[in-house]
Amino acid sequence: CRTRGGWTDTLLDERCATVHKAQGKEADVVILLLGGGRP
């Protein structure tokens, strides 16, 4: 996101975070990143 326009550190802290930090918040669009990860 930092390589794209419009994303500030404040906006990233608020709108790009773990699921735990997102509880109680909402948005029209959510991108859920799962990747692969360890078993």
PDB file of all heavy atoms in Angstrom:
ATOM      1  N   CYS A   1       0.827  -1.211   0.000  1.00  0.00           N
ATOM      2  CA  CYS A   1       0.000   0.000   0.000  1.00  0.00           C
ATOM      3  C   CYS A   1       0.862   1.263   0.000  1.00  0.00           C
ATOM      4  O   CYS A   1       0.479   2.282  -0.601  1.00  0.00           O
ATOM      5  CB  CYS A   1      -0.928   0.003   1.213  1.00  0.00           C
ATOM      6  SG  CYS A   1      -2.263  -1.215   1.135  1.00  0.00           S
ATOM      7  N   ARG A   2       2.020   1.201   0.642  1.00  0.00           N
ATOM      8  CA  ARG A   2       2.886   2.387   0.710  1.00  0.00           C
ATOM      9  C   ARG A   2       3.422   2.774  -0.672  1.00  0.00           C
ATOM     10  O   ARG A   2       3.841   3.916  -0.870  1.00  0.00           O
ATOM     11  CB  ARG A   2       4.052   2.138   1.669  1.00  0.00           C
ATOM     12  CG  ARG A   2       3.646   2.155   3.142  1.00  0.00           C
ATOM     13  CD  ARG A   2       4.852   2.165   4.057  1.00  0.00           C
ATOM     14  NE  ARG A   2       4.451   2.215   5.453  1.00  0.00           N
ATOM     15  CZ  ARG A   2       4.356   1.153   6.238  1.00  0.00           C
ATOM     16  NH1 ARG A   2       4.645  -0.057   5.750  1.00  0.00           N
ATOM     17  NH2 ARG A   2       3.977   1.275   7.504  1.00  0.00           N
ATOM     18  N   THR A   3       3.417   1.839  -1.617  1.00  0.00           N
ATOM     19  CA  THR A   3       3.873   2.153  -2.971  1.00  0.00           C
ATOM     20  C   THR A   3       2.774   2.782  -3.806  1.00  0.00           C
ATOM     21  O   THR A   3       3.010   3.147  -4.959  1.00  0.00           O
ATOM     22  CB  THR A   3       4.375   0.879  -3.681  1.00  0.00           C
ATOM     23  OG1 THR A   3       3.277  -0.028  -3.880  1.00  0.00           O
ATOM     24  CG2 THR A   3       5.452   0.191  -2.844  1.00  0.00           C
ATOM     25  N   ARG A   4       1.585   2.895  -3.257  1.00  0.00           N
ATOM     26  CA  ARG A   4       0.441   3.454  -3.966  1.00  0.00           C
ATOM     27  C   ARG A   4       0.054   4.794  -3.375  1.00  0.00           C
ATOM     28  O   ARG A   4       0.320   5.080  -2.215  1.00  0.00           O
ATOM     29  CB  ARG A   4      -0.745   2.483  -3.907  1.00  0.00           C
ATOM     30  CG  ARG A   4      -0.470   1.174  -4.636  1.00  0.00           C
ATOM     31  CD  ARG A   4      -1.540   0.132  -4.370  1.00  0.00           C
ATOM     32  NE  ARG A   4      -1.350  -1.012  -5.253  1.00  0.00           N
ATOM     33  CZ  ARG A   4      -2.024  -1.215  -6.375  1.00  0.00           C
ATOM     34  NH1 ARG A   4      -2.950  -0.344  -6.756  1.00  0.00           N
ATOM     35  NH2 ARG A   4      -1.797  -2.268  -7.133  1.00  0.00           N
ATOM     36  N   GLY A   5      -0.608   5.589  -4.142  1.00  0.00           N
ATOM     37  CA  GLY A   5      -1.001   6.907  -3.681  1.00  0.00           C
ATOM     38  C   GLY A   5      -2.135   6.870  -2.679  1.00  0.00           C
ATOM     39  O   GLY A   5      -2.995   5.990  -2.710  1.00  0.00           O
ATOM     40  N   GLY A   6      -2.130   7.844  -1.769  1.00  0.00           N
ATOM     41  CA  GLY A   6      -3.240   8.018  -0.845  1.00  0.00           C
ATOM     42  C   GLY A   6      -3.075   7.371   0.506  1.00  0.00           C
ATOM     43  O   GLY A   6      -3.763   7.735   1.462  1.00  0.00           O
ATOM     44  N   TRP A   7      -2.167   6.388   0.613  1.00  0.00           N
ATOM     45  CA  TRP A   7      -2.012   5.679   1.873  1.00  0.00           C
ATOM     46  C   TRP A   7      -0.999   6.393   2.760  1.00  0.00           C
ATOM     47  O   TRP A   7       0.178   6.423   2.461  1.00  0.00           O
ATOM     48  CB  TRP A   7      -1.558   4.246   1.632  1.00  0.00           C
ATOM     49  CG  TRP A   7      -2.624   3.346   1.072  1.00  0.00           C
ATOM     50  CD1 TRP A   7      -2.799   3.004  -0.232  1.00  0.00           C
ATOM     51  CD2 TRP A   7      -3.655   2.687   1.809  1.00  0.00           C
ATOM     52  NE1 TRP A   7      -3.875   2.166  -0.360  1.00  0.00           N
ATOM     53  CE2 TRP A   7      -4.430   1.956   0.880  1.00  0.00           C
ATOM     54  CE3 TRP A   7      -4.006   2.638   3.159  1.00  0.00           C
ATOM     55  CZ2 TRP A   7      -5.520   1.187   1.250  1.00  0.00           C
ATOM     56  CZ3 TRP A   7      -5.099   1.869   3.538  1.00  0.00           C
ATOM     57  CH2 TRP A   7      -5.839   1.158   2.601  1.00  0.00           C
ATOM     58  N   THR A   8      -1.465   6.936   3.861  1.00  0.00           N
ATOM     59  CA  THR A   8      -0.583   7.526   4.864  1.00  0.00           C
ATOM     60  C   THR A   8      -0.383   6.526   6.001  1.00  0.00           C
ATOM     61  O   THR A   8      -1.103   5.531   6.112  1.00  0.00           O
ATOM     62  CB  THR A   8      -1.191   8.813   5.420  1.00  0.00           C
ATOM     63  OG1 THR A   8      -2.422   8.491   6.111  1.00  0.00           O
ATOM     64  CG2 THR A   8      -1.487   9.808   4.297  1.00  0.00           C
ATOM     65  N   ASP A   9       0.603   6.798   6.852  1.00  0.00           N
ATOM     66  CA  ASP A   9       0.836   5.911   7.993  1.00  0.00           C
ATOM     67  C   ASP A   9      -0.383   5.855   8.901  1.00  0.00           C
ATOM     68  O   ASP A   9      -0.734   4.788   9.428  1.00  0.00           O
ATOM     69  CB  ASP A   9       2.057   6.381   8.782  1.00  0.00           C
ATOM     70  CG  ASP A   9       3.366   6.115   8.040  1.00  0.00           C
ATOM     71  OD1 ASP A   9       3.356   5.282   7.103  1.00  0.00           O
ATOM     72  OD2 ASP A   9       4.380   6.753   8.376  1.00  0.00           O
ATOM     73  N   THR A  10      -1.035   6.990   9.081  1.00  0.00           N
ATOM     74  CA  THR A  10      -2.232   7.022   9.928  1.00  0.00           C
ATOM     75  C   THR A  10      -3.344   6.173   9.333  1.00  0.00           C
ATOM     76  O   THR A  10      -4.014   5.406  10.044  1.00  0.00           O
ATOM     77  CB  THR A  10      -2.723   8.469  10.096  1.00  0.00           C
ATOM     78  OG1 THR A  10      -1.696   9.249  10.698  1.00  0.00           O
ATOM     79  CG2 THR A  10      -3.980   8.522  10.955  1.00  0.00           C
ATOM     80  N   LEU A  11      -3.534   6.281   8.033  1.00  0.00           N
ATOM     81  CA  LEU A  11      -4.577   5.508   7.366  1.00  0.00           C
ATOM     82  C   LEU A  11      -4.254   4.014   7.402  1.00  0.00           C
ATOM     83  O   LEU A  11      -5.149   3.178   7.592  1.00  0.00           O
ATOM     84  CB  LEU A  11      -4.732   5.977   5.921  1.00  0.00           C
ATOM     85  CG  LEU A  11      -6.066   5.658   5.219  1.00  0.00           C
ATOM     86  CD1 LEU A  11      -7.232   6.254   5.988  1.00  0.00           C
ATOM     87  CD2 LEU A  11      -6.045   6.183   3.790  1.00  0.00           C
ATOM     88  N   LEU A  12      -2.997   3.667   7.252  1.00  0.00           N
ATOM     89  CA  LEU A  12      -2.607   2.261   7.315  1.00  0.00           C
ATOM     90  C   LEU A  12      -2.840   1.691   8.714  1.00  0.00           C
ATOM     91  O   LEU A  12      -3.328   0.562   8.851  1.00  0.00           O
ATOM     92  CB  LEU A  12      -1.141   2.113   6.920  1.00  0.00           C
ATOM     93  CG  LEU A  12      -0.827   2.176   5.425  1.00  0.00           C
ATOM     94  CD1 LEU A  12       0.676   2.201   5.199  1.00  0.00           C
ATOM     95  CD2 LEU A  12      -1.450   1.000   4.689  1.00  0.00           C
ATOM     96  N   ASP A  13      -2.495   2.447   9.739  1.00  0.00           N
ATOM     97  CA  ASP A  13      -2.722   1.978  11.103  1.00  0.00           C
ATOM     98  C   ASP A  13      -4.202   1.729  11.371  1.00  0.00           C
ATOM     99  O   ASP A  13      -4.562   0.796  12.091  1.00  0.00           O
ATOM    100  CB  ASP A  13      -2.182   2.995  12.115  1.00  0.00           C
ATOM    101  CG  ASP A  13      -0.668   3.028  12.150  1.00  0.00           C
ATOM    102  OD1 ASP A  13      -0.047   2.051  11.684  1.00  0.00           O
ATOM    103  OD2 ASP A  13      -0.104   4.040  12.613  1.00  0.00           O
ATOM    104  N   GLU A  14      -5.040   2.565  10.771  1.00  0.00           N
ATOM    105  CA  GLU A  14      -6.473   2.465  11.009  1.00  0.00           C
ATOM    106  C   GLU A  14      -7.137   1.417  10.136  1.00  0.00           C
ATOM    107  O   GLU A  14      -8.030   0.693  10.590  1.00  0.00           O
ATOM    108  CB  GLU A  14      -7.110   3.842  10.761  1.00  0.00           C
ATOM    109  CG  GLU A  14      -8.631   3.850  10.621  1.00  0.00           C
ATOM    110  CD  GLU A  14      -9.353   3.414  11.880  1.00  0.00           C
ATOM    111  OE1 GLU A  14      -8.738   3.423  12.961  1.00  0.00           O
ATOM    112  OE2 GLU A  14     -10.544   3.058  11.773  1.00  0.00           O
ATOM    113  N   ARG A  15      -6.721   1.297   8.883  1.00  0.00           N
ATOM    114  CA  ARG A  15      -7.474   0.518   7.905  1.00  0.00           C
ATOM    115  C   ARG A  15      -6.748  -0.697   7.352  1.00  0.00           C
ATOM    116  O   ARG A  15      -7.269  -1.371   6.468  1.00  0.00           O
ATOM    117  CB  ARG A  15      -7.914   1.416   6.742  1.00  0.00           C
ATOM    118  CG  ARG A  15      -8.822   2.536   7.226  1.00  0.00           C
ATOM    119  CD  ARG A  15      -9.708   3.130   6.156  1.00  0.00           C
ATOM    120  NE  ARG A  15     -10.812   3.833   6.784  1.00  0.00           N
ATOM    121  CZ  ARG A  15     -12.005   3.318   6.986  1.00  0.00           C
ATOM    122  NH1 ARG A  15     -12.270   2.097   6.573  1.00  0.00           N
ATOM    123  NH2 ARG A  15     -12.964   4.011   7.581  1.00  0.00           N
ATOM    124  N   CYS A  16      -5.575  -0.993   7.861  1.00  0.00           N
ATOM    125  CA  CYS A  16      -4.857  -2.207   7.472  1.00  0.00           C
ATOM    126  C   CYS A  16      -4.300  -2.823   8.745  1.00  0.00           C
ATOM    127  O   CYS A  16      -3.266  -2.379   9.256  1.00  0.00           O
ATOM    128  CB  CYS A  16      -3.749  -1.883   6.463  1.00  0.00           C
ATOM    129  SG  CYS A  16      -2.857  -3.334   5.858  1.00  0.00           S
ATOM    130  N   ALA A  17      -4.986  -3.832   9.271  1.00  0.00           N
ATOM    131  CA  ALA A  17      -4.641  -4.335  10.595  1.00  0.00           C
ATOM    132  C   ALA A  17      -5.099  -5.781  10.735  1.00  0.00           C
ATOM    133  O   ALA A  17      -5.728  -6.351   9.837  1.00  0.00           O
ATOM    134  CB  ALA A  17      -5.280  -3.465  11.675  1.00  0.00           C
ATOM    135  N   THR A  18      -4.804  -6.364  11.881  1.00  0.00           N
ATOM    136  CA  THR A  18      -5.247  -7.729  12.156  1.00  0.00           C
ATOM    137  C   THR A  18      -6.752  -7.737  12.425  1.00  0.00           C
ATOM    138  O   THR A  18      -7.359  -6.709  12.718  1.00  0.00           O
ATOM    139  CB  THR A  18      -4.518  -8.313  13.371  1.00  0.00           C
ATOM    140  OG1 THR A  18      -4.794  -7.492  14.517  1.00  0.00           O
ATOM    141  CG2 THR A  18      -3.022  -8.366  13.126  1.00  0.00           C
ATOM    142  N   VAL A  19      -7.327  -8.934  12.353  1.00  0.00           N
ATOM    143  CA  VAL A  19      -8.760  -9.080  12.611  1.00  0.00           C
ATOM    144  C   VAL A  19      -9.090  -8.624  14.021  1.00  0.00           C
ATOM    145  O   VAL A  19     -10.138  -8.010  14.263  1.00  0.00           O
ATOM    146  CB  VAL A  19      -9.197 -10.540  12.393  1.00  0.00           C
ATOM    147  CG1 VAL A  19     -10.680 -10.715  12.714  1.00  0.00           C
ATOM    148  CG2 VAL A  19      -8.921 -10.984  10.955  1.00  0.00           C
ATOM    149  N   HIS A  20      -8.207  -8.898  14.978  1.00  0.00           N
ATOM    150  CA  HIS A  20      -8.470  -8.502  16.364  1.00  0.00           C
ATOM    151  C   HIS A  20      -8.635  -6.987  16.492  1.00  0.00           C
ATOM    152  O   HIS A  20      -9.493  -6.508  17.235  1.00  0.00           O
ATOM    153  CB  HIS A  20      -7.328  -8.976  17.272  1.00  0.00           C
ATOM    154  CG  HIS A  20      -7.380 -10.425  17.596  1.00  0.00           C
ATOM    155  ND1 HIS A  20      -6.980 -11.404  16.704  1.00  0.00           N
ATOM    156  CD2 HIS A  20      -7.803 -11.088  18.710  1.00  0.00           C
ATOM    157  CE1 HIS A  20      -7.148 -12.584  17.258  1.00  0.00           C
ATOM    158  NE2 HIS A  20      -7.639 -12.423  18.473  1.00  0.00           N
ATOM    159  N   LYS A  21      -7.813  -6.225  15.760  1.00  0.00           N
ATOM    160  CA  LYS A  21      -7.911  -4.768  15.839  1.00  0.00           C
ATOM    161  C   LYS A  21      -9.109  -4.230  15.066  1.00  0.00           C
ATOM    162  O   LYS A  21      -9.493  -3.068  15.252  1.00  0.00           O
ATOM    163  CB  LYS A  21      -6.618  -4.139  15.322  1.00  0.00           C
ATOM    164  CG  LYS A  21      -5.430  -4.363  16.237  1.00  0.00           C
ATOM    165  CD  LYS A  21      -4.212  -3.591  15.778  1.00  0.00           C
ATOM    166  CE  LYS A  21      -3.049  -3.769  16.736  1.00  0.00           C
ATOM    167  NZ  LYS A  21      -1.845  -3.002  16.307  1.00  0.00           N
ATOM    168  N   ALA A  22      -9.692  -5.042  14.190  1.00  0.00           N
ATOM    169  CA  ALA A  22     -10.816  -4.584  13.372  1.00  0.00           C
ATOM    170  C   ALA A  22     -12.161  -4.831  14.039  1.00  0.00           C
ATOM    171  O   ALA A  22     -13.186  -4.358  13.536  1.00  0.00           O
ATOM    172  CB  ALA A  22     -10.787  -5.275  12.005  1.00  0.00           C
ATOM    173  N   GLN A  23     -12.190  -5.574  15.144  1.00  0.00           N
ATOM    174  CA  GLN A  23     -13.478  -5.842  15.781  1.00  0.00           C
ATOM    175  C   GLN A  23     -14.134  -4.544  16.213  1.00  0.00           C
ATOM    176  O   GLN A  23     -13.488  -3.635  16.734  1.00  0.00           O
ATOM    177  CB  GLN A  23     -13.303  -6.757  16.992  1.00  0.00           C
ATOM    178  CG  GLN A  23     -14.618  -7.011  17.730  1.00  0.00           C
ATOM    179  CD  GLN A  23     -14.603  -8.300  18.514  1.00  0.00           C
ATOM    180  OE1 GLN A  23     -14.103  -9.305  18.061  1.00  0.00           O
ATOM    181  NE2 GLN A  23     -15.173  -8.279  19.713  1.00  0.00           N
ATOM    182  N   GLY A  24     -15.438  -4.468  15.969  1.00  0.00           N
ATOM    183  CA  GLY A  24     -16.191  -3.266  16.287  1.00  0.00           C
ATOM    184  C   GLY A  24     -16.176  -2.242  15.177  1.00  0.00           C
ATOM    185  O   GLY A  24     -16.835  -1.208  15.284  1.00  0.00           O
ATOM    186  N   LYS A  25     -15.436  -2.507  14.086  1.00  0.00           N
ATOM    187  CA  LYS A  25     -15.360  -1.580  12.958  1.00  0.00           C
ATOM    188  C   LYS A  25     -15.981  -2.228  11.733  1.00  0.00           C
ATOM    189  O   LYS A  25     -16.295  -3.426  11.739  1.00  0.00           O
ATOM    190  CB  LYS A  25     -13.901  -1.183  12.708  1.00  0.00           C
ATOM    191  CG  LYS A  25     -13.255  -0.544  13.934  1.00  0.00           C
ATOM    192  CD  LYS A  25     -11.770  -0.315  13.738  1.00  0.00           C
ATOM    193  CE  LYS A  25     -11.130   0.234  15.010  1.00  0.00           C
ATOM    194  NZ  LYS A  25      -9.668   0.414  14.883  1.00  0.00           N
ATOM    195  N   GLU A  26     -16.150  -1.452  10.692  1.00  0.00           N
ATOM    196  CA  GLU A  26     -16.792  -1.966   9.484  1.00  0.00           C
ATOM    197  C   GLU A  26     -16.337  -1.150   8.292  1.00  0.00           C
ATOM    198  O   GLU A  26     -15.703  -0.100   8.431  1.00  0.00           O
ATOM    199  CB  GLU A  26     -18.317  -1.898   9.614  1.00  0.00           C
ATOM    200  CG  GLU A  26     -18.835  -0.490   9.814  1.00  0.00           C
ATOM    201  CD  GLU A  26     -20.333  -0.443  10.086  1.00  0.00           C
ATOM    202  OE1 GLU A  26     -20.868  -1.388  10.717  1.00  0.00           O
ATOM    203  OE2 GLU A  26     -20.967   0.543   9.668  1.00  0.00           O
ATOM    204  N   ALA A  27     -16.656  -1.637   7.101  1.00  0.00           N
ATOM    205  CA  ALA A  27     -16.338  -0.920   5.868  1.00  0.00           C
ATOM    206  C   ALA A  27     -17.194  -1.496   4.754  1.00  0.00           C
ATOM    207  O   ALA A  27     -17.658  -2.644   4.833  1.00  0.00           O
ATOM    208  CB  ALA A  27     -14.861  -1.037   5.520  1.00  0.00           C
ATOM    209  N   ASP A  28     -17.399  -0.699   3.715  1.00  0.00           N
ATOM    210  CA  ASP A  28     -18.142  -1.212   2.570  1.00  0.00           C
ATOM    211  C   ASP A  28     -17.421  -2.388   1.935  1.00  0.00           C
ATOM    212  O   ASP A  28     -18.040  -3.366   1.513  1.00  0.00           O
ATOM    213  CB  ASP A  28     -18.338  -0.102   1.522  1.00  0.00           C
ATOM    214  CG  ASP A  28     -19.367   0.927   1.950  1.00  0.00           C
ATOM    215  OD1 ASP A  28     -20.287   0.561   2.713  1.00  0.00           O
ATOM    216  OD2 ASP A  28     -19.255   2.090   1.551  1.00  0.00           O
ATOM    217  N   VAL A  29     -16.107  -2.292   1.829  1.00  0.00           N
ATOM    218  CA  VAL A  29     -15.298  -3.343   1.209  1.00  0.00           C
ATOM    219  C   VAL A  29     -14.239  -3.813   2.193  1.00  0.00           C
ATOM    220  O   VAL A  29     -13.562  -3.004   2.824  1.00  0.00           O
ATOM    221  CB  VAL A  29     -14.609  -2.829  -0.079  1.00  0.00           C
ATOM    222  CG1 VAL A  29     -13.764  -3.935  -0.715  1.00  0.00           C
ATOM    223  CG2 VAL A  29     -15.632  -2.310  -1.071  1.00  0.00           C
ATOM    224  N   VAL A  30     -14.101  -5.128   2.319  1.00  0.00           N
ATOM    225  CA  VAL A  30     -13.060  -5.721   3.153  1.00  0.00           C
ATOM    226  C   VAL A  30     -12.262  -6.702   2.308  1.00  0.00           C
ATOM    227  O   VAL A  30     -12.830  -7.535   1.597  1.00  0.00           O
ATOM    228  CB  VAL A  30     -13.648  -6.445   4.376  1.00  0.00           C
ATOM    229  CG1 VAL A  30     -12.599  -7.329   5.048  1.00  0.00           C
ATOM    230  CG2 VAL A  30     -14.198  -5.443   5.381  1.00  0.00           C
ATOM    231  N   ILE A  31     -10.946  -6.576   2.379  1.00  0.00           N
ATOM    232  CA  ILE A  31     -10.040  -7.557   1.775  1.00  0.00           C
ATOM    233  C   ILE A  31      -9.470  -8.399   2.908  1.00  0.00           C
ATOM    234  O   ILE A  31      -8.788  -7.877   3.792  1.00  0.00           O
ATOM    235  CB  ILE A  31      -8.906  -6.876   0.994  1.00  0.00           C
ATOM    236  CG1 ILE A  31      -9.468  -5.955  -0.093  1.00  0.00           C
ATOM    237  CG2 ILE A  31      -7.994  -7.931   0.361  1.00  0.00           C
ATOM    238  CD1 ILE A  31      -8.396  -5.155  -0.830  1.00  0.00           C
ATOM    239  N   LEU A  32      -9.786  -9.678   2.904  1.00  0.00           N
ATOM    240  CA  LEU A  32      -9.307 -10.595   3.934  1.00  0.00           C
ATOM    241  C   LEU A  32      -8.122 -11.383   3.367  1.00  0.00           C
ATOM    242  O   LEU A  32      -8.276 -12.159   2.421  1.00  0.00           O
ATOM    243  CB  LEU A  32     -10.418 -11.550   4.366  1.00  0.00           C
ATOM    244  CG  LEU A  32     -10.010 -12.691   5.312  1.00  0.00           C
ATOM    245  CD1 LEU A  32      -9.420 -12.142   6.604  1.00  0.00           C
ATOM    246  CD2 LEU A  32     -11.216 -13.591   5.606  1.00  0.00           C
ATOM    247  N   LEU A  33      -6.948 -11.176   3.940  1.00  0.00           N
ATOM    248  CA  LEU A  33      -5.734 -11.834   3.479  1.00  0.00           C
ATOM    249  C   LEU A  33      -5.490 -13.097   4.307  1.00  0.00           C
ATOM    250  O   LEU A  33      -5.324 -13.022   5.523  1.00  0.00           O
ATOM    251  CB  LEU A  33      -4.537 -10.889   3.619  1.00  0.00           C
ATOM    252  CG  LEU A  33      -4.673  -9.516   2.937  1.00  0.00           C
ATOM    253  CD1 LEU A  33      -3.455  -8.657   3.241  1.00  0.00           C
ATOM    254  CD2 LEU A  33      -4.840  -9.676   1.437  1.00  0.00           C
ATOM    255  N   LEU A  34      -5.483 -14.242   3.643  1.00  0.00           N
ATOM    256  CA  LEU A  34      -5.216 -15.511   4.304  1.00  0.00           C
ATOM    257  C   LEU A  34      -3.873 -16.108   3.890  1.00  0.00           C
ATOM    258  O   LEU A  34      -3.199 -16.740   4.691  1.00  0.00           O
ATOM    259  CB  LEU A  34      -6.329 -16.527   4.004  1.00  0.00           C
ATOM    260  CG  LEU A  34      -7.732 -16.165   4.501  1.00  0.00           C
ATOM    261  CD1 LEU A  34      -8.721 -17.226   4.083  1.00  0.00           C
ATOM    262  CD2 LEU A  34      -7.745 -15.993   6.013  1.00  0.00           C
ATOM    263  N   GLY A  35      -3.502 -15.914   2.608  1.00  0.00           N
ATOM    264  CA  GLY A  35      -2.244 -16.460   2.129  1.00  0.00           C
ATOM    265  C   GLY A  35      -2.208 -17.967   2.259  1.00  0.00           C
ATOM    266  O   GLY A  35      -3.212 -18.672   2.103  1.00  0.00           O
ATOM    267  N   GLY A  36      -1.020 -18.503   2.570  1.00  0.00           N
ATOM    268  CA  GLY A  36      -0.868 -19.933   2.789  1.00  0.00           C
ATOM    269  C   GLY A  36      -0.708 -20.215   4.270  1.00  0.00           C
ATOM    270  O   GLY A  36      -1.611 -20.679   4.940  1.00  0.00           O
ATOM    271  N   GLY A  37       0.457 -19.873   4.777  1.00  0.00           N
ATOM    272  CA  GLY A  37       0.669 -19.983   6.219  1.00  0.00           C
ATOM    273  C   GLY A  37       1.049 -21.383   6.666  1.00  0.00           C
ATOM    274  O   GLY A  37       0.845 -22.367   5.961  1.00  0.00           O
ATOM    275  N   ARG A  38       1.577 -21.467   7.858  1.00  0.00           N
ATOM    276  CA  ARG A  38       1.954 -22.757   8.435  1.00  0.00           C
ATOM    277  C   ARG A  38       0.713 -23.493   8.911  1.00  0.00           C
ATOM    278  O   ARG A  38      -0.283 -22.866   9.308  1.00  0.00           O
ATOM    279  CB  ARG A  38       2.917 -22.539   9.596  1.00  0.00           C
ATOM    280  CG  ARG A  38       4.256 -21.921   9.183  1.00  0.00           C
ATOM    281  CD  ARG A  38       5.184 -21.781  10.377  1.00  0.00           C
ATOM    282  NE  ARG A  38       4.634 -20.866  11.367  1.00  0.00           N
ATOM    283  CZ  ARG A  38       4.790 -19.549  11.327  1.00  0.00           C
ATOM    284  NH1 ARG A  38       5.462 -18.985  10.338  1.00  0.00           N
ATOM    285  NH2 ARG A  38       4.271 -18.790  12.270  1.00  0.00           N
ATOM    286  N   PRO A  39       0.745 -24.838   8.898  1.00  0.00           N
ATOM    287  CA  PRO A  39      -0.434 -25.602   9.341  1.00  0.00           C
ATOM    288  C   PRO A  39      -0.901 -25.214  10.740  1.00  0.00           C
ATOM    289  O   PRO A  39      -2.104 -25.072  10.982  1.00  0.00           O
ATOM    290  CB  PRO A  39       0.063 -27.051   9.282  1.00  0.00           C
ATOM    291  CG  PRO A  39       1.144 -27.048   8.260  1.00  0.00           C
ATOM    292  CD  PRO A  39       1.822 -25.711   8.391  1.00  0.00           C
TER     293      PRO A  39
END
